[in-house]
């Protein structure tokens, strides 16, 4: 089971890399802000690791495989940040971050100046939740394509 948690620690960190870099640029570079982002990443390591352990325990290997494949695809989508050099904001991380900052700052009134830890933590959790919806959609698509392909 140790490899299981190392796997999810690595892939959640890999998937959070672009968001972490964007957050480092947007947030004031305080230790509290970085601690908030890191705590948010740990939450997603626990969520994905627990979900995957459940799929394995319940012998839902197709869902397990689909989840892992979708995480690989999501990591690859971070390469879309290169399009920013051309002025094209195509990166899912960028849009998820913009949405989460809008919710945190404008809707909830939590400003990074006054609450750097809370602002960073909430933004990391919201960004991760939005990107997790994309992972869930990819997982479902992969699952049903493989199921349909195997039934032929």
N, C-alpha and C. Protein backbone atom coordinates (compact mmCIF):
# COMPACT_ATOMS: atom_id res chain seq x y z
N UNK A 1 0.82 -1.20 0.00
CA UNK A 1 0.00 0.00 0.00
C UNK A 1 0.86 1.26 0.00
N UNK A 2 2.13 1.14 0.39
CA UNK A 2 3.01 2.29 0.38
C UNK A 2 3.16 2.84 -1.03
N UNK A 3 3.34 1.96 -2.01
CA UNK A 3 3.46 2.40 -3.40
C UNK A 3 2.19 3.11 -3.85
N UNK A 4 1.07 2.69 -3.34
CA UNK A 4 -0.21 3.32 -3.67
C UNK A 4 -0.18 4.81 -3.28
N UNK A 5 0.24 5.09 -2.06
CA UNK A 5 0.26 6.48 -1.58
C UNK A 5 1.38 7.28 -2.24
N UNK A 6 2.49 6.64 -2.56
CA UNK A 6 3.55 7.32 -3.29
C UNK A 6 3.07 7.68 -4.70
N UNK A 7 2.34 6.75 -5.31
CA UNK A 7 1.78 6.99 -6.64
C UNK A 7 0.90 8.24 -6.61
N UNK A 8 -0.04 8.27 -5.67
CA UNK A 8 -0.98 9.40 -5.62
C UNK A 8 -0.30 10.68 -5.15
N UNK A 9 0.67 10.56 -4.27
CA UNK A 9 1.43 11.75 -3.88
C UNK A 9 2.13 12.37 -5.07
N UNK A 10 2.77 11.50 -5.87
CA UNK A 10 3.48 12.00 -7.05
C UNK A 10 2.52 12.62 -8.07
N UNK A 11 1.44 11.89 -8.42
CA UNK A 11 0.57 12.37 -9.50
C UNK A 11 -0.28 13.56 -9.09
N UNK A 12 -0.68 13.64 -7.84
CA UNK A 12 -1.41 14.85 -7.41
C UNK A 12 -0.45 16.04 -7.42
N UNK A 13 0.78 15.84 -6.96
CA UNK A 13 1.77 16.92 -7.01
C UNK A 13 2.06 17.31 -8.46
N UNK A 14 2.20 16.33 -9.34
CA UNK A 14 2.46 16.62 -10.75
C UNK A 14 1.29 17.39 -11.36
N UNK A 15 0.07 17.00 -11.00
CA UNK A 15 -1.11 17.69 -11.52
C UNK A 15 -1.28 19.07 -10.90
N UNK A 16 -0.72 19.28 -9.73
CA UNK A 16 -0.84 20.58 -9.06
C UNK A 16 0.28 21.53 -9.44
N UNK A 17 1.26 21.05 -10.20
CA UNK A 17 2.44 21.85 -10.48
C UNK A 17 2.11 23.19 -11.15
N UNK A 18 1.33 23.16 -12.22
CA UNK A 18 1.01 24.40 -12.92
C UNK A 18 0.19 25.32 -12.02
N UNK A 19 -0.78 24.77 -11.31
CA UNK A 19 -1.60 25.59 -10.41
C UNK A 19 -0.74 26.17 -9.29
N UNK A 20 0.20 25.39 -8.79
CA UNK A 20 1.09 25.86 -7.74
C UNK A 20 1.95 27.02 -8.25
N UNK A 21 2.44 26.89 -9.49
CA UNK A 21 3.23 27.98 -10.07
C UNK A 21 2.38 29.23 -10.27
N UNK A 22 1.15 29.04 -10.80
CA UNK A 22 0.27 30.20 -10.97
C UNK A 22 -0.06 30.82 -9.63
N UNK A 23 -0.34 29.99 -8.63
CA UNK A 23 -0.64 30.50 -7.31
C UNK A 23 0.52 31.25 -6.70
N UNK A 24 1.73 30.79 -6.95
CA UNK A 24 2.92 31.46 -6.43
C UNK A 24 3.09 32.84 -7.05
N UNK A 25 2.69 32.97 -8.30
CA UNK A 25 2.78 34.27 -8.99
C UNK A 25 1.69 35.21 -8.47
N UNK A 26 0.48 34.68 -8.33
CA UNK A 26 -0.68 35.51 -7.94
C UNK A 26 -0.65 35.86 -6.45
N UNK A 27 -0.31 34.88 -5.62
CA UNK A 27 -0.34 35.09 -4.18
C UNK A 27 0.89 35.84 -3.70
N UNK A 28 0.73 36.53 -2.59
CA UNK A 28 1.90 37.11 -1.97
C UNK A 28 2.77 35.95 -1.48
N UNK A 29 4.05 36.04 -1.72
CA UNK A 29 4.95 34.92 -1.42
C UNK A 29 5.27 34.87 0.07
N UNK A 30 4.28 34.50 0.86
CA UNK A 30 4.49 34.37 2.30
C UNK A 30 4.48 32.89 2.67
N UNK A 31 5.15 32.54 3.74
CA UNK A 31 5.11 31.13 4.17
C UNK A 31 3.69 30.65 4.44
N UNK A 32 2.84 31.52 4.96
CA UNK A 32 1.46 31.12 5.24
C UNK A 32 0.72 30.76 3.95
N UNK A 33 0.94 31.50 2.87
CA UNK A 33 0.28 31.21 1.59
C UNK A 33 0.77 29.87 1.04
N UNK A 34 2.08 29.63 1.10
CA UNK A 34 2.61 28.36 0.62
C UNK A 34 2.10 27.20 1.48
N UNK A 35 1.99 27.42 2.77
CA UNK A 35 1.46 26.37 3.66
C UNK A 35 0.01 26.06 3.30
N UNK A 36 -0.78 27.08 2.98
CA UNK A 36 -2.17 26.86 2.57
C UNK A 36 -2.26 26.05 1.29
N UNK A 37 -1.40 26.37 0.32
CA UNK A 37 -1.41 25.62 -0.93
C UNK A 37 -0.98 24.17 -0.69
N UNK A 38 0.05 23.97 0.10
CA UNK A 38 0.53 22.61 0.36
C UNK A 38 -0.51 21.78 1.12
N UNK A 39 -1.19 22.39 2.08
CA UNK A 39 -2.24 21.66 2.80
C UNK A 39 -3.36 21.26 1.84
N UNK A 40 -3.73 22.15 0.94
CA UNK A 40 -4.75 21.81 -0.06
C UNK A 40 -4.33 20.66 -0.94
N UNK A 41 -3.06 20.61 -1.32
CA UNK A 41 -2.55 19.51 -2.14
C UNK A 41 -2.60 18.20 -1.35
N UNK A 42 -2.25 18.26 -0.07
CA UNK A 42 -2.31 17.05 0.77
C UNK A 42 -3.74 16.52 0.85
N UNK A 43 -4.71 17.43 0.93
CA UNK A 43 -6.12 17.01 0.96
C UNK A 43 -6.45 16.19 -0.29
N UNK A 44 -5.99 16.65 -1.46
CA UNK A 44 -6.30 15.93 -2.68
C UNK A 44 -5.53 14.62 -2.80
N UNK A 45 -4.34 14.55 -2.23
CA UNK A 45 -3.62 13.26 -2.19
C UNK A 45 -4.46 12.26 -1.40
N UNK A 46 -4.99 12.70 -0.27
CA UNK A 46 -5.81 11.82 0.56
C UNK A 46 -7.11 11.43 -0.16
N UNK A 47 -7.74 12.38 -0.83
CA UNK A 47 -9.00 12.11 -1.53
C UNK A 47 -8.78 11.10 -2.65
N UNK A 48 -7.81 11.36 -3.52
CA UNK A 48 -7.57 10.47 -4.65
C UNK A 48 -7.05 9.12 -4.18
N UNK A 49 -6.16 9.12 -3.21
CA UNK A 49 -5.64 7.85 -2.70
C UNK A 49 -6.73 7.00 -2.07
N UNK A 50 -7.63 7.64 -1.32
CA UNK A 50 -8.73 6.92 -0.69
C UNK A 50 -9.72 6.40 -1.72
N UNK A 51 -10.04 7.24 -2.70
CA UNK A 51 -10.96 6.81 -3.76
C UNK A 51 -10.38 5.63 -4.52
N UNK A 52 -9.13 5.71 -4.89
CA UNK A 52 -8.50 4.63 -5.63
C UNK A 52 -8.41 3.35 -4.79
N UNK A 53 -8.10 3.49 -3.51
CA UNK A 53 -8.05 2.31 -2.63
C UNK A 53 -9.43 1.65 -2.55
N UNK A 54 -10.48 2.47 -2.52
CA UNK A 54 -11.84 1.93 -2.52
C UNK A 54 -12.12 1.15 -3.80
N UNK A 55 -11.73 1.73 -4.94
CA UNK A 55 -11.95 1.05 -6.22
C UNK A 55 -11.21 -0.28 -6.27
N UNK A 56 -10.00 -0.29 -5.76
CA UNK A 56 -9.21 -1.53 -5.73
C UNK A 56 -9.86 -2.55 -4.80
N UNK A 57 -10.26 -2.11 -3.61
CA UNK A 57 -10.85 -3.01 -2.62
C UNK A 57 -12.17 -3.61 -3.12
N UNK A 58 -12.95 -2.82 -3.85
CA UNK A 58 -14.22 -3.29 -4.37
C UNK A 58 -14.07 -4.04 -5.69
N UNK A 59 -12.83 -4.23 -6.13
CA UNK A 59 -12.53 -4.94 -7.37
C UNK A 59 -13.16 -4.27 -8.59
N UNK A 60 -13.14 -2.96 -8.59
CA UNK A 60 -13.65 -2.17 -9.71
C UNK A 60 -12.46 -1.75 -10.58
N UNK A 61 -11.82 -2.75 -11.18
CA UNK A 61 -10.56 -2.51 -11.88
C UNK A 61 -10.72 -1.60 -13.10
N UNK A 62 -11.86 -1.68 -13.78
CA UNK A 62 -12.06 -0.79 -14.93
C UNK A 62 -12.09 0.67 -14.49
N UNK A 63 -12.79 0.96 -13.38
CA UNK A 63 -12.84 2.33 -12.86
C UNK A 63 -11.47 2.75 -12.35
N UNK A 64 -10.77 1.84 -11.68
CA UNK A 64 -9.41 2.10 -11.19
C UNK A 64 -8.49 2.49 -12.34
N UNK A 65 -8.51 1.69 -13.41
CA UNK A 65 -7.67 1.97 -14.57
C UNK A 65 -8.07 3.29 -15.23
N UNK A 66 -9.36 3.54 -15.35
CA UNK A 66 -9.83 4.78 -15.97
C UNK A 66 -9.42 6.00 -15.15
N UNK A 67 -9.51 5.89 -13.83
CA UNK A 67 -9.09 7.01 -12.97
C UNK A 67 -7.62 7.31 -13.16
N UNK A 68 -6.81 6.29 -13.15
CA UNK A 68 -5.37 6.51 -13.30
C UNK A 68 -5.04 7.08 -14.68
N UNK A 69 -5.67 6.59 -15.71
CA UNK A 69 -5.42 7.13 -17.05
C UNK A 69 -5.85 8.59 -17.15
N UNK A 70 -6.96 8.92 -16.54
CA UNK A 70 -7.43 10.31 -16.61
C UNK A 70 -6.48 11.25 -15.89
N UNK A 71 -5.84 10.77 -14.83
CA UNK A 71 -4.86 11.60 -14.11
C UNK A 71 -3.63 11.83 -14.98
N UNK A 72 -3.23 10.83 -15.75
CA UNK A 72 -2.11 11.01 -16.68
C UNK A 72 -2.47 12.06 -17.74
N UNK A 73 -3.68 11.94 -18.28
CA UNK A 73 -4.12 12.90 -19.30
C UNK A 73 -4.16 14.30 -18.72
N UNK A 74 -4.72 14.43 -17.53
CA UNK A 74 -4.81 15.74 -16.88
C UNK A 74 -3.42 16.34 -16.68
N UNK A 75 -2.45 15.53 -16.30
CA UNK A 75 -1.08 16.02 -16.15
C UNK A 75 -0.54 16.53 -17.48
N UNK A 76 -0.83 15.81 -18.55
CA UNK A 76 -0.39 16.23 -19.88
C UNK A 76 -1.02 17.52 -20.33
N UNK A 77 -2.24 17.78 -19.88
CA UNK A 77 -2.93 19.02 -20.27
C UNK A 77 -2.24 20.26 -19.72
N UNK A 78 -1.35 20.09 -18.74
CA UNK A 78 -0.62 21.25 -18.22
C UNK A 78 0.29 21.85 -19.29
N UNK A 79 0.61 21.06 -20.30
CA UNK A 79 1.43 21.57 -21.40
C UNK A 79 0.71 22.70 -22.15
N UNK A 80 -0.60 22.80 -21.97
CA UNK A 80 -1.36 23.86 -22.62
C UNK A 80 -0.96 25.24 -22.09
N UNK A 81 -0.26 25.30 -20.97
CA UNK A 81 0.22 26.58 -20.46
C UNK A 81 1.18 27.25 -21.45
N UNK A 82 1.79 26.47 -22.34
CA UNK A 82 2.69 27.01 -23.35
C UNK A 82 1.94 27.98 -24.26
N UNK A 83 0.64 27.76 -24.47
CA UNK A 83 -0.14 28.63 -25.34
C UNK A 83 -0.22 30.06 -24.82
N UNK A 84 0.07 30.26 -23.54
CA UNK A 84 0.06 31.62 -23.00
C UNK A 84 1.13 32.49 -23.65
N UNK A 85 2.19 31.87 -24.14
CA UNK A 85 3.24 32.62 -24.84
C UNK A 85 2.67 33.27 -26.11
N UNK A 86 1.62 32.69 -26.66
CA UNK A 86 0.97 33.23 -27.85
C UNK A 86 -0.26 34.08 -27.51
N UNK A 87 -0.51 34.25 -26.20
CA UNK A 87 -1.66 35.04 -25.77
C UNK A 87 -2.96 34.27 -25.73
N UNK A 88 -2.90 32.94 -25.79
CA UNK A 88 -4.10 32.11 -25.76
C UNK A 88 -4.24 31.48 -24.38
N UNK A 89 -5.21 31.90 -23.61
CA UNK A 89 -5.40 31.31 -22.26
C UNK A 89 -6.18 30.00 -22.35
N UNK A 90 -5.52 28.93 -22.81
CA UNK A 90 -6.19 27.65 -23.04
C UNK A 90 -6.04 26.67 -21.90
N UNK A 91 -5.23 26.97 -20.92
CA UNK A 91 -4.92 26.03 -19.85
C UNK A 91 -6.08 25.84 -18.88
N UNK A 92 -6.48 24.59 -18.62
CA UNK A 92 -7.54 24.36 -17.63
C UNK A 92 -7.17 24.89 -16.25
N UNK A 93 -5.90 24.80 -15.88
CA UNK A 93 -5.46 25.30 -14.57
C UNK A 93 -5.68 26.80 -14.46
N UNK A 94 -5.39 27.51 -15.52
CA UNK A 94 -5.56 28.96 -15.51
C UNK A 94 -7.02 29.33 -15.30
N UNK A 95 -7.92 28.69 -16.04
CA UNK A 95 -9.34 29.01 -15.91
C UNK A 95 -9.90 28.58 -14.56
N UNK A 96 -9.48 27.42 -14.09
CA UNK A 96 -9.93 26.98 -12.76
C UNK A 96 -9.44 27.94 -11.69
N UNK A 97 -8.21 28.40 -11.82
CA UNK A 97 -7.66 29.37 -10.86
C UNK A 97 -8.39 30.70 -10.89
N UNK A 98 -8.70 31.16 -12.08
CA UNK A 98 -9.44 32.43 -12.21
C UNK A 98 -10.81 32.31 -11.55
N UNK A 99 -11.49 31.21 -11.79
CA UNK A 99 -12.80 30.98 -11.18
C UNK A 99 -12.69 30.91 -9.67
N UNK A 100 -11.69 30.18 -9.17
CA UNK A 100 -11.57 30.04 -7.71
C UNK A 100 -11.18 31.34 -7.03
N UNK A 101 -10.34 32.14 -7.66
CA UNK A 101 -10.00 33.45 -7.08
C UNK A 101 -11.24 34.33 -7.05
N UNK A 102 -12.04 34.28 -8.12
CA UNK A 102 -13.27 35.06 -8.15
C UNK A 102 -14.22 34.66 -7.03
N UNK A 103 -14.36 33.38 -6.81
CA UNK A 103 -15.24 32.91 -5.74
C UNK A 103 -14.70 33.32 -4.38
N UNK A 104 -13.41 33.06 -4.16
CA UNK A 104 -12.82 33.34 -2.85
C UNK A 104 -12.81 34.82 -2.53
N UNK A 105 -12.36 35.61 -3.49
CA UNK A 105 -12.18 37.03 -3.23
C UNK A 105 -13.48 37.80 -3.39
N UNK A 106 -14.18 37.64 -4.49
CA UNK A 106 -15.36 38.46 -4.78
C UNK A 106 -16.61 37.96 -4.07
N UNK A 107 -16.84 36.65 -4.06
CA UNK A 107 -18.07 36.11 -3.47
C UNK A 107 -17.96 35.92 -1.96
N UNK A 108 -16.82 35.39 -1.51
CA UNK A 108 -16.66 35.09 -0.08
C UNK A 108 -15.98 36.22 0.68
N UNK A 109 -15.35 37.14 -0.02
CA UNK A 109 -14.70 38.29 0.62
C UNK A 109 -13.44 37.94 1.39
N UNK A 110 -12.79 36.86 1.03
CA UNK A 110 -11.54 36.48 1.70
C UNK A 110 -10.39 37.00 0.85
N UNK A 111 -9.70 38.01 1.37
CA UNK A 111 -8.62 38.65 0.61
C UNK A 111 -7.28 38.04 1.01
N UNK A 112 -6.41 37.91 0.01
CA UNK A 112 -5.10 37.34 0.27
C UNK A 112 -4.25 38.23 1.16
N UNK A 113 -4.49 39.53 1.16
CA UNK A 113 -3.71 40.46 2.00
C UNK A 113 -3.96 40.20 3.48
N UNK A 114 -5.21 39.91 3.83
CA UNK A 114 -5.59 39.75 5.23
C UNK A 114 -5.51 38.31 5.73
N UNK A 115 -5.77 37.37 4.83
CA UNK A 115 -5.81 35.95 5.19
C UNK A 115 -5.02 35.11 4.19
N UNK A 116 -3.70 35.25 4.16
CA UNK A 116 -2.93 34.53 3.12
C UNK A 116 -3.07 33.01 3.20
N UNK A 117 -3.09 32.44 4.39
CA UNK A 117 -3.24 31.00 4.53
C UNK A 117 -4.62 30.55 4.06
N UNK A 118 -5.67 31.18 4.60
CA UNK A 118 -7.04 30.81 4.24
C UNK A 118 -7.33 31.04 2.77
N UNK A 119 -6.85 32.15 2.23
CA UNK A 119 -7.05 32.45 0.82
C UNK A 119 -6.39 31.39 -0.05
N UNK A 120 -5.14 31.05 0.27
CA UNK A 120 -4.40 30.06 -0.53
C UNK A 120 -5.02 28.67 -0.39
N UNK A 121 -5.39 28.30 0.83
CA UNK A 121 -6.01 26.99 1.05
C UNK A 121 -7.33 26.88 0.30
N UNK A 122 -8.18 27.86 0.45
CA UNK A 122 -9.49 27.81 -0.21
C UNK A 122 -9.35 27.83 -1.72
N UNK A 123 -8.42 28.63 -2.24
CA UNK A 123 -8.21 28.65 -3.69
C UNK A 123 -7.68 27.32 -4.19
N UNK A 124 -6.78 26.71 -3.43
CA UNK A 124 -6.27 25.40 -3.83
C UNK A 124 -7.38 24.36 -3.84
N UNK A 125 -8.21 24.38 -2.81
CA UNK A 125 -9.32 23.42 -2.74
C UNK A 125 -10.34 23.66 -3.85
N UNK A 126 -10.68 24.91 -4.12
CA UNK A 126 -11.64 25.20 -5.19
C UNK A 126 -11.07 24.87 -6.56
N UNK A 127 -9.82 25.26 -6.79
CA UNK A 127 -9.18 24.93 -8.08
C UNK A 127 -9.10 23.42 -8.26
N UNK A 128 -8.69 22.73 -7.20
CA UNK A 128 -8.62 21.27 -7.27
C UNK A 128 -9.97 20.62 -7.50
N UNK A 129 -11.01 21.19 -6.89
CA UNK A 129 -12.36 20.64 -7.07
C UNK A 129 -12.82 20.82 -8.52
N UNK A 130 -12.56 21.99 -9.08
CA UNK A 130 -12.94 22.24 -10.48
C UNK A 130 -12.17 21.30 -11.41
N UNK A 131 -10.87 21.17 -11.19
CA UNK A 131 -10.06 20.29 -12.02
C UNK A 131 -10.42 18.82 -11.79
N UNK A 132 -10.87 18.50 -10.58
CA UNK A 132 -11.31 17.13 -10.30
C UNK A 132 -12.59 16.79 -11.05
N UNK A 133 -13.43 17.77 -11.30
CA UNK A 133 -14.61 17.54 -12.15
C UNK A 133 -14.17 17.14 -13.55
N UNK A 134 -13.11 17.77 -14.03
CA UNK A 134 -12.58 17.41 -15.33
C UNK A 134 -12.01 15.99 -15.30
N UNK A 135 -11.30 15.64 -14.24
CA UNK A 135 -10.78 14.28 -14.09
C UNK A 135 -11.93 13.28 -14.03
N UNK A 136 -12.99 13.62 -13.32
CA UNK A 136 -14.15 12.73 -13.23
C UNK A 136 -14.77 12.51 -14.61
N UNK A 137 -14.89 13.58 -15.38
CA UNK A 137 -15.45 13.46 -16.73
C UNK A 137 -14.55 12.59 -17.61
N UNK A 138 -13.24 12.81 -17.53
CA UNK A 138 -12.30 11.99 -18.30
C UNK A 138 -12.38 10.53 -17.87
N UNK A 139 -12.48 10.30 -16.57
CA UNK A 139 -12.58 8.94 -16.05
C UNK A 139 -13.81 8.24 -16.60
N UNK A 140 -14.95 8.92 -16.58
CA UNK A 140 -16.19 8.33 -17.10
C UNK A 140 -16.08 8.05 -18.60
N UNK A 141 -15.51 8.98 -19.34
CA UNK A 141 -15.36 8.78 -20.78
C UNK A 141 -14.47 7.58 -21.08
N UNK A 142 -13.33 7.52 -20.39
CA UNK A 142 -12.41 6.39 -20.58
C UNK A 142 -13.07 5.07 -20.20
N UNK A 143 -13.78 5.07 -19.07
CA UNK A 143 -14.46 3.85 -18.61
C UNK A 143 -15.45 3.35 -19.65
N UNK A 144 -16.33 4.24 -20.13
CA UNK A 144 -17.38 3.81 -21.05
C UNK A 144 -16.84 3.46 -22.43
N UNK A 145 -15.78 4.13 -22.88
CA UNK A 145 -15.17 3.76 -24.16
C UNK A 145 -14.55 2.37 -24.07
N UNK A 146 -13.82 2.12 -22.98
CA UNK A 146 -13.21 0.79 -22.82
C UNK A 146 -14.27 -0.29 -22.65
N UNK A 147 -15.32 0.03 -21.93
CA UNK A 147 -16.40 -0.96 -21.73
C UNK A 147 -17.06 -1.30 -23.06
N UNK A 148 -17.32 -0.26 -23.86
CA UNK A 148 -17.94 -0.49 -25.16
C UNK A 148 -16.99 -1.27 -26.07
N UNK A 149 -15.74 -0.93 -26.04
CA UNK A 149 -14.74 -1.61 -26.87
C UNK A 149 -14.58 -3.07 -26.47
N UNK A 150 -14.62 -3.36 -25.17
CA UNK A 150 -14.46 -4.73 -24.68
C UNK A 150 -15.70 -5.59 -24.95
N UNK A 151 -16.86 -4.94 -25.10
CA UNK A 151 -18.09 -5.71 -25.33
C UNK A 151 -18.21 -6.16 -26.79
N UNK A 152 -17.39 -5.61 -27.64
CA UNK A 152 -17.45 -5.98 -29.07
C UNK A 152 -16.77 -7.26 -29.34
